[in-house]
C-alpha atoms as a PDB file:
ATOM      1  CA  UNK A   1     -59.341  39.924  37.525  1.00  0.00           C
ATOM      2  CA  UNK A   2     -55.517  38.087  38.482  1.00  0.00           C
ATOM      3  CA  UNK A   3     -52.818  39.247  39.971  1.00  0.00           C
ATOM      4  CA  UNK A   4     -51.104  40.269  36.513  1.00  0.00           C
ATOM      5  CA  UNK A   5     -53.045  42.385  35.196  1.00  0.00           C
ATOM      6  CA  UNK A   6     -52.589  44.991  37.386  1.00  0.00           C
ATOM      7  CA  UNK A   7     -56.292  45.272  38.646  1.00  0.00           C
ATOM      8  CA  UNK A   8     -57.566  44.945  35.184  1.00  0.00           C
ATOM      9  CA  UNK A   9     -58.905  41.981  33.131  1.00  0.00           C
ATOM     10  CA  UNK A  10     -56.696  40.658  30.354  1.00  0.00           C
ATOM     11  CA  UNK A  11     -53.201  39.426  29.780  1.00  0.00           C
ATOM     12  CA  UNK A  12     -50.467  41.206  30.762  1.00  0.00           C
ATOM     13  CA  UNK A  13     -48.793  43.529  28.678  1.00  0.00           C
ATOM     14  CA  UNK A  14     -45.323  41.685  28.660  1.00  0.00           C
ATOM     15  CA  UNK A  15     -46.886  38.575  26.965  1.00  0.00           C
ATOM     16  CA  UNK A  16     -48.633  40.963  24.118  1.00  0.00           C
ATOM     17  CA  UNK A  17     -45.632  43.038  23.521  1.00  0.00           C
ATOM     18  CA  UNK A  18     -42.872  40.609  23.631  1.00  0.00           C
ATOM     19  CA  UNK A  19     -39.739  41.109  25.298  1.00  0.00           C
ATOM     20  CA  UNK A  20     -39.575  43.501  27.705  1.00  0.00           C
ATOM     21  CA  UNK A  21     -38.763  47.218  26.818  1.00  0.00           C
ATOM     22  CA  UNK A  22     -35.129  47.105  28.077  1.00  0.00           C
ATOM     23  CA  UNK A  23     -33.694  44.654  25.216  1.00  0.00           C
ATOM     24  CA  UNK A  24     -35.236  47.318  22.368  1.00  0.00           C
ATOM     25  CA  UNK A  25     -33.170  49.704  20.897  1.00  0.00           C
ATOM     26  CA  UNK A  26     -33.450  53.004  22.956  1.00  0.00           C
ATOM     27  CA  UNK A  27     -32.562  56.373  21.236  1.00  0.00           C
ATOM     28  CA  UNK A  28     -29.551  56.771  20.245  1.00  0.00           C
ATOM     29  CA  UNK A  29     -28.482  53.355  20.101  1.00  0.00           C
ATOM     30  CA  UNK A  30     -27.789  51.132  17.089  1.00  0.00           C
ATOM     31  CA  UNK A  31     -30.497  48.347  16.487  1.00  0.00           C
ATOM     32  CA  UNK A  32     -28.918  45.238  17.327  1.00  0.00           C
ATOM     33  CA  UNK A  33     -27.389  43.629  13.576  1.00  0.00           C
ATOM     34  CA  UNK A  34     -29.736  41.193  12.293  1.00  0.00           C
ATOM     35  CA  UNK A  35     -28.765  37.715  12.374  1.00  0.00           C
ATOM     36  CA  UNK A  36     -27.209  36.216   8.962  1.00  0.00           C
ATOM     37  CA  UNK A  37     -29.211  34.367   6.769  1.00  0.00           C
ATOM     38  CA  UNK A  38     -28.514  30.434   7.316  1.00  0.00           C
ATOM     39  CA  UNK A  39     -28.486  28.716   3.883  1.00  0.00           C
ATOM     40  CA  UNK A  40     -31.799  27.436   3.202  1.00  0.00           C
ATOM     41  CA  UNK A  41     -34.669  26.671   0.317  1.00  0.00           C
ATOM     42  CA  UNK A  42     -37.313  27.921  -0.803  1.00  0.00           C
ATOM     43  CA  UNK A  43     -39.694  25.073  -1.676  1.00  0.00           C
ATOM     44  CA  UNK A  44     -41.892  27.570  -4.018  1.00  0.00           C
ATOM     45  CA  UNK A  45     -39.473  29.108  -6.167  1.00  0.00           C
ATOM     46  CA  UNK A  46     -36.405  26.602  -5.701  1.00  0.00           C
ATOM     47  CA  UNK A  47     -33.976  29.617  -4.833  1.00  0.00           C
ATOM     48  CA  UNK A  48     -31.497  29.241  -2.089  1.00  0.00           C
ATOM     49  CA  UNK A  49     -30.156  32.044   0.188  1.00  0.00           C
ATOM     50  CA  UNK A  50     -26.800  32.216   1.796  1.00  0.00           C
ATOM     51  CA  UNK A  51     -24.881  34.409   4.394  1.00  0.00           C
ATOM     52  CA  UNK A  52     -25.918  37.701   3.955  1.00  0.00           C
ATOM     53  CA  UNK A  53     -28.607  37.259   1.935  1.00  0.00           C
ATOM     54  CA  UNK A  54     -26.911  36.153  -1.162  1.00  0.00           C
ATOM     55  CA  UNK A  55     -28.596  33.977  -3.614  1.00  0.00           C
ATOM     56  CA  UNK A  56     -27.044  30.263  -4.308  1.00  0.00           C
ATOM     57  CA  UNK A  57     -29.346  29.548  -6.858  1.00  0.00           C
ATOM     58  CA  UNK A  58     -31.947  30.418  -9.407  1.00  0.00           C
ATOM     59  CA  UNK A  59     -35.560  29.606  -9.098  1.00  0.00           C
ATOM     60  CA  UNK A  60     -37.926  28.673 -11.844  1.00  0.00           C
ATOM     61  CA  UNK A  61     -40.852  30.802 -11.310  1.00  0.00           C
ATOM     62  CA  UNK A  62     -39.892  34.040 -13.034  1.00  0.00           C
ATOM     63  CA  UNK A  63     -38.640  37.632 -11.971  1.00  0.00           C
ATOM     64  CA  UNK A  64     -41.654  38.503  -9.923  1.00  0.00           C
ATOM     65  CA  UNK A  65     -41.313  35.708  -7.318  1.00  0.00           C
ATOM     66  CA  UNK A  66     -37.600  36.756  -7.346  1.00  0.00           C
ATOM     67  CA  UNK A  67     -38.196  40.572  -6.898  1.00  0.00           C
ATOM     68  CA  UNK A  68     -40.861  39.310  -4.029  1.00  0.00           C
ATOM     69  CA  UNK A  69     -38.112  37.086  -2.259  1.00  0.00           C
ATOM     70  CA  UNK A  70     -35.503  40.010  -2.360  1.00  0.00           C
ATOM     71  CA  UNK A  71     -37.871  42.395  -0.831  1.00  0.00           C
ATOM     72  CA  UNK A  72     -38.547  39.790   1.833  1.00  0.00           C
ATOM     73  CA  UNK A  73     -34.745  39.519   2.303  1.00  0.00           C
ATOM     74  CA  UNK A  74     -34.115  42.971   3.165  1.00  0.00           C
ATOM     75  CA  UNK A  75     -32.371  43.836  -0.618  1.00  0.00           C
ATOM     76  CA  UNK A  76     -29.654  41.301  -0.271  1.00  0.00           C
ATOM     77  CA  UNK A  77     -30.897  38.738  -2.955  1.00  0.00           C
ATOM     78  CA  UNK A  78     -29.597  38.717  -6.135  1.00  0.00           C
ATOM     79  CA  UNK A  79     -31.675  36.691  -8.597  1.00  0.00           C
ATOM     80  CA  UNK A  80     -31.478  36.135 -11.798  1.00  0.00           C
ATOM     81  CA  UNK A  81     -33.079  34.199 -14.560  1.00  0.00           C
ATOM     82  CA  UNK A  82     -34.474  30.576 -14.364  1.00  0.00           C
ATOM     83  CA  UNK A  83     -31.769  27.714 -15.224  1.00  0.00           C
ATOM     84  CA  UNK A  84     -32.596  27.440 -18.975  1.00  0.00           C
ATOM     85  CA  UNK A  85     -33.818  30.404 -19.742  1.00  0.00           C
ATOM     86  CA  UNK A  86     -32.486  32.528 -22.441  1.00  0.00           C
ATOM     87  CA  UNK A  87     -30.784  35.812 -23.001  1.00  0.00           C
ATOM     88  CA  UNK A  88     -34.048  37.990 -24.069  1.00  0.00           C
ATOM     89  CA  UNK A  89     -37.437  36.833 -23.851  1.00  0.00           C
ATOM     90  CA  UNK A  90     -38.521  35.419 -27.382  1.00  0.00           C
ATOM     91  CA  UNK A  91     -34.559  35.449 -28.258  1.00  0.00           C
ATOM     92  CA  UNK A  92     -33.409  33.180 -30.729  1.00  0.00           C
ATOM     93  CA  UNK A  93     -31.827  29.184 -29.445  1.00  0.00           C
ATOM     94  CA  UNK A  94     -28.408  29.951 -28.149  1.00  0.00           C
ATOM     95  CA  UNK A  95     -28.489  33.253 -27.608  1.00  0.00           C
ATOM     96  CA  UNK A  96     -27.410  32.634 -24.470  1.00  0.00           C
ATOM     97  CA  UNK A  97     -23.670  31.743 -26.009  1.00  0.00           C
ATOM     98  CA  UNK A  98     -23.119  35.441 -26.419  1.00  0.00           C
ATOM     99  CA  UNK A  99     -21.636  35.457 -22.953  1.00  0.00           C
ATOM    100  CA  UNK A 100     -18.688  34.178 -24.369  1.00  0.00           C
ATOM    101  CA  UNK A 101     -17.656  37.088 -26.276  1.00  0.00           C
ATOM    102  CA  UNK A 102     -14.743  39.012 -25.491  1.00  0.00           C
ATOM    103  CA  UNK A 103     -15.270  43.387 -25.760  1.00  0.00           C
ATOM    104  CA  UNK A 104     -13.592  44.006 -29.388  1.00  0.00           C
ATOM    105  CA  UNK A 105     -12.647  40.772 -30.223  1.00  0.00           C
ATOM    106  CA  UNK A 106     -15.362  40.133 -32.053  1.00  0.00           C
ATOM    107  CA  UNK A 107     -16.639  43.462 -33.312  1.00  0.00           C
ATOM    108  CA  UNK A 108     -16.313  42.563 -36.933  1.00  0.00           C
ATOM    109  CA  UNK A 109     -18.514  39.807 -36.702  1.00  0.00           C
ATOM    110  CA  UNK A 110     -20.879  42.045 -34.637  1.00  0.00           C
ATOM    111  CA  UNK A 111     -20.989  44.479 -37.147  1.00  0.00           C
ATOM    112  CA  UNK A 112     -21.734  42.030 -39.673  1.00  0.00           C
ATOM    113  CA  UNK A 113     -24.468  40.625 -37.303  1.00  0.00           C
ATOM    114  CA  UNK A 114     -26.436  43.262 -38.537  1.00  0.00           C
ATOM    115  CA  UNK A 115     -27.413  41.979 -42.153  1.00  0.00           C
ATOM    116  CA  UNK A 116     -26.877  38.168 -40.398  1.00  0.00           C
ATOM    117  CA  UNK A 117     -28.471  37.221 -37.222  1.00  0.00           C
ATOM    118  CA  UNK A 118     -27.059  34.012 -36.947  1.00  0.00           C
ATOM    119  CA  UNK A 119     -23.860  35.790 -36.450  1.00  0.00           C
ATOM    120  CA  UNK A 120     -24.927  37.267 -33.297  1.00  0.00           C
ATOM    121  CA  UNK A 121     -26.262  33.821 -31.479  1.00  0.00           C
ATOM    122  CA  UNK A 122     -23.488  31.152 -32.986  1.00  0.00           C
ATOM    123  CA  UNK A 123     -25.299  29.524 -34.678  1.00  0.00           C
ATOM    124  CA  UNK A 124     -24.624  25.524 -35.104  1.00  0.00           C
ATOM    125  CA  UNK A 125     -24.761  25.760 -38.858  1.00  0.00           C
ATOM    126  CA  UNK A 126     -22.102  28.842 -38.632  1.00  0.00           C
ATOM    127  CA  UNK A 127     -19.884  27.890 -35.927  1.00  0.00           C
ATOM    128  CA  UNK A 128     -19.632  24.527 -37.975  1.00  0.00           C
ATOM    129  CA  UNK A 129     -18.550  26.261 -40.652  1.00  0.00           C
ATOM    130  CA  UNK A 130     -16.458  28.435 -39.729  1.00  0.00           C
ATOM    131  CA  UNK A 131     -14.437  26.116 -37.352  1.00  0.00           C
ATOM    132  CA  UNK A 132     -14.029  23.930 -40.775  1.00  0.00           C
ATOM    133  CA  UNK A 133     -12.886  26.938 -42.298  1.00  0.00           C
ATOM    134  CA  UNK A 134     -10.202  27.694 -39.639  1.00  0.00           C
ATOM    135  CA  UNK A 135      -8.637  24.851 -39.390  1.00  0.00           C
ATOM    136  CA  UNK A 136      -9.026  22.860 -42.770  1.00  0.00           C
ATOM    137  CA  UNK A 137      -9.055  25.882 -45.505  1.00  0.00           C
ATOM    138  CA  UNK A 138      -6.488  27.564 -43.085  1.00  0.00           C
ATOM    139  CA  UNK A 139      -4.050  24.676 -43.180  1.00  0.00           C
ATOM    140  CA  UNK A 140      -4.750  24.178 -47.153  1.00  0.00           C
ATOM    141  CA  UNK A 141      -4.029  27.953 -47.875  1.00  0.00           C
ATOM    142  CA  UNK A 142      -0.060  27.454 -45.609  1.00  0.00           C
ATOM    143  CA  UNK A 143       0.528  24.020 -48.396  1.00  0.00           C
ATOM    144  CA  UNK A 144      -0.822  26.615 -51.253  1.00  0.00           C
ATOM    145  CA  UNK A 145       1.160  29.242 -50.620  1.00  0.00           C
ATOM    146  CA  UNK A 146       4.212  26.827 -50.120  1.00  0.00           C
ATOM    147  CA  UNK A 147       3.499  24.812 -53.316  1.00  0.00           C
ATOM    148  CA  UNK A 148       3.425  28.240 -55.542  1.00  0.00           C
ATOM    149  CA  UNK A 149       6.711  29.475 -53.881  1.00  0.00           C
ATOM    150  CA  UNK A 150       8.273  26.043 -54.579  1.00  0.00           C
ATOM    151  CA  UNK A 151       6.577  25.126 -57.042  1.00  0.00           C
ATOM    152  CA  UNK A 152       5.407  22.033 -56.190  1.00  0.00           C
ATOM    153  CA  UNK A 153       3.679  19.060 -58.099  1.00  0.00           C
ATOM    154  CA  UNK A 154       0.876  18.850 -55.856  1.00  0.00           C
ATOM    155  CA  UNK A 155       0.191  22.707 -56.286  1.00  0.00           C
ATOM    156  CA  UNK A 156      -2.909  22.605 -58.548  1.00  0.00           C
ATOM    157  CA  UNK A 157      -4.295  19.545 -56.673  1.00  0.00           C
ATOM    158  CA  UNK A 158      -4.142  21.744 -53.261  1.00  0.00           C
ATOM    159  CA  UNK A 159      -5.666  25.189 -55.115  1.00  0.00           C
ATOM    160  CA  UNK A 160      -8.670  23.414 -56.465  1.00  0.00           C
ATOM    161  CA  UNK A 161      -9.357  21.634 -53.126  1.00  0.00           C
ATOM    162  CA  UNK A 162      -9.170  24.595 -51.628  1.00  0.00           C
ATOM    163  CA  UNK A 163     -11.728  26.181 -53.584  1.00  0.00           C
ATOM    164  CA  UNK A 164     -14.253  23.940 -53.606  1.00  0.00           C
ATOM    165  CA  UNK A 165     -14.125  24.076 -49.752  1.00  0.00           C
ATOM    166  CA  UNK A 166     -14.765  27.835 -50.014  1.00  0.00           C
ATOM    167  CA  UNK A 167     -17.565  27.617 -52.625  1.00  0.00           C
ATOM    168  CA  UNK A 168     -19.131  24.598 -50.576  1.00  0.00           C
ATOM    169  CA  UNK A 169     -19.302  26.746 -47.055  1.00  0.00           C
ATOM    170  CA  UNK A 170     -20.697  29.723 -49.190  1.00  0.00           C
ATOM    171  CA  UNK A 171     -23.770  27.115 -50.209  1.00  0.00           C
ATOM    172  CA  UNK A 172     -23.983  25.806 -46.613  1.00  0.00           C
ATOM    173  CA  UNK A 173     -23.844  29.229 -45.022  1.00  0.00           C
ATOM    174  CA  UNK A 174     -26.843  30.994 -47.425  1.00  0.00           C
ATOM    175  CA  UNK A 175     -28.670  28.451 -49.228  1.00  0.00           C
ATOM    176  CA  UNK A 176     -30.724  26.983 -46.295  1.00  0.00           C
ATOM    177  CA  UNK A 177     -31.667  30.046 -44.986  1.00  0.00           C
ATOM    178  CA  UNK A 178     -33.386  30.835 -48.665  1.00  0.00           C
ATOM    179  CA  UNK A 179     -35.065  27.993 -48.247  1.00  0.00           C
ATOM    180  CA  UNK A 180     -36.688  29.157 -45.097  1.00  0.00           C
ATOM    181  CA  UNK A 181     -37.047  32.580 -46.499  1.00  0.00           C
ATOM    182  CA  UNK A 182     -34.194  34.689 -45.410  1.00  0.00           C
ATOM    183  CA  UNK A 183     -35.517  35.358 -42.261  1.00  0.00           C
ATOM    184  CA  UNK A 184     -31.972  35.957 -40.652  1.00  0.00           C
ATOM    185  CA  UNK A 185     -30.835  38.430 -43.868  1.00  0.00           C
ATOM    186  CA  UNK A 186     -31.480  42.047 -43.301  1.00  0.00           C
ATOM    187  CA  UNK A 187     -31.973  42.619 -46.933  1.00  0.00           C
ATOM    188  CA  UNK A 188     -34.170  45.793 -46.374  1.00  0.00           C
ATOM    189  CA  UNK A 189     -31.676  48.013 -46.046  1.00  0.00           C
ATOM    190  CA  UNK A 190     -29.184  48.813 -48.902  1.00  0.00           C
ATOM    191  CA  UNK A 191     -26.005  48.907 -47.162  1.00  0.00           C
ATOM    192  CA  UNK A 192     -27.003  45.396 -45.223  1.00  0.00           C
ATOM    193  CA  UNK A 193     -27.846  43.326 -48.636  1.00  0.00           C
ATOM    194  CA  UNK A 194     -25.345  45.090 -51.065  1.00  0.00           C
ATOM    195  CA  UNK A 195     -22.257  45.692 -49.600  1.00  0.00           C
ATOM    196  CA  UNK A 196     -22.551  43.226 -46.307  1.00  0.00           C
ATOM    197  CA  UNK A 197     -24.128  40.725 -48.000  1.00  0.00           C
ATOM    198  CA  UNK A 198     -23.318  40.433 -51.125  1.00  0.00           C
ATOM    199  CA  UNK A 199     -20.152  42.119 -52.291  1.00  0.00           C
ATOM    200  CA  UNK A 200     -18.115  40.740 -49.040  1.00  0.00           C
ATOM    201  CA  UNK A 201     -19.619  37.387 -49.440  1.00  0.00           C
ATOM    202  CA  UNK A 202     -19.122  37.602 -53.704  1.00  0.00           C
ATOM    203  CA  UNK A 203     -15.291  38.002 -52.903  1.00  0.00           C
ATOM    204  CA  UNK A 204     -15.142  34.547 -51.614  1.00  0.00           C
ATOM    205  CA  UNK A 205     -17.388  33.237 -54.564  1.00  0.00           C
ATOM    206  CA  UNK A 206     -15.694  35.237 -57.433  1.00  0.00           C
ATOM    207  CA  UNK A 207     -11.804  34.597 -56.109  1.00  0.00           C
ATOM    208  CA  UNK A 208     -12.495  30.593 -55.582  1.00  0.00           C
ATOM    209  CA  UNK A 209     -14.058  31.068 -59.118  1.00  0.00           C
ATOM    210  CA  UNK A 210     -10.708  32.780 -60.910  1.00  0.00           C
ATOM    211  CA  UNK A 211      -8.274  30.091 -59.003  1.00  0.00           C
ATOM    212  CA  UNK A 212     -10.193  27.048 -60.183  1.00  0.00           C
ATOM    213  CA  UNK A 213     -10.399  28.282 -63.988  1.00  0.00           C
ATOM    214  CA  UNK A 214      -6.317  29.427 -63.790  1.00  0.00           C
ATOM    215  CA  UNK A 215      -5.789  25.229 -62.833  1.00  0.00           C
ATOM    216  CA  UNK A 216      -8.418  24.689 -65.143  1.00  0.00           C
ATOM    217  CA  UNK A 217      -6.078  26.347 -67.616  1.00  0.00           C
ATOM    218  CA  UNK A 218      -3.075  24.950 -66.332  1.00  0.00           C
ATOM    219  CA  UNK A 219      -4.057  21.439 -66.473  1.00  0.00           C
ATOM    220  CA  UNK A 220      -4.803  21.537 -70.075  1.00  0.00           C
ATOM    221  CA  UNK A 221      -1.860  23.220 -70.884  1.00  0.00           C
ATOM    222  CA  UNK A 222       0.122  20.407 -69.356  1.00  0.00           C
ATOM    223  CA  UNK A 223      -1.975  17.897 -70.272  1.00  0.00           C
ATOM    224  CA  UNK A 224      -1.553  18.667 -74.021  1.00  0.00           C
ATOM    225  CA  UNK A 225       2.280  19.173 -73.715  1.00  0.00           C
ATOM    226  CA  UNK A 226       2.197  15.410 -72.245  1.00  0.00           C
ATOM    227  CA  UNK A 227       0.434  14.556 -75.215  1.00  0.00           C
ATOM    228  CA  UNK A 228       2.705  16.120 -77.878  1.00  0.00           C
ATOM    229  CA  UNK A 229       6.046  14.834 -75.843  1.00  0.00           C
ATOM    230  CA  UNK A 230       4.113  11.232 -76.345  1.00  0.00           C
ATOM    231  CA  UNK A 231       3.638  11.888 -79.704  1.00  0.00           C
ATOM    232  CA  UNK A 232       7.479  12.777 -80.561  1.00  0.00           C
ATOM    233  CA  UNK A 233       8.326   9.896 -78.777  1.00  0.00           C
ATOM    234  CA  UNK A 234       6.617   7.452 -80.834  1.00  0.00           C
END
């Protein structure tokens, strides 16, 4: 028996219970505020926890571990997916670029994406062709309008170049997917197949084809006219 045991064996109660009872929260009083968590790194999850339990970096162990860390931090941690992970498990490559879309700005593209899934995750081939369409074909279209209004001699040259660009863009949009068995095209629904795919894209084939035919006829007529003039001169 020792003097700290109060006449009984074993260690003193203060050693078992920690600080003195005066430091504990009393009834009717609020508990002392929890000290702010300093920035530290979790080696297993590679998650940095900053002040007030906010996440500074996501780990790569998945959501279960992140949820465990969140519960340990008192619910103040907002852990997200691992770096490099895509939005939606099993989603197509490049799906993370979908966050770049503005609400309502590409509503037509999202609706068309029901027929062609490549428009939903910014397929590199589609994006490359659309950039070429906007920059090159847009400039050629403006130049063609000017040549038609002013009756310039290079009108049919620009018209042929523009039509060939449109037809080439349509070919490169669909033919690579056809070679793979059309995995991105929705051909099971009549609306998406006949209206979205066939009709809307057929317009971009029909109109350039008609303009090419017009240029062919006009160039042929000018050639015969020039040949007749040369014959008369001789």
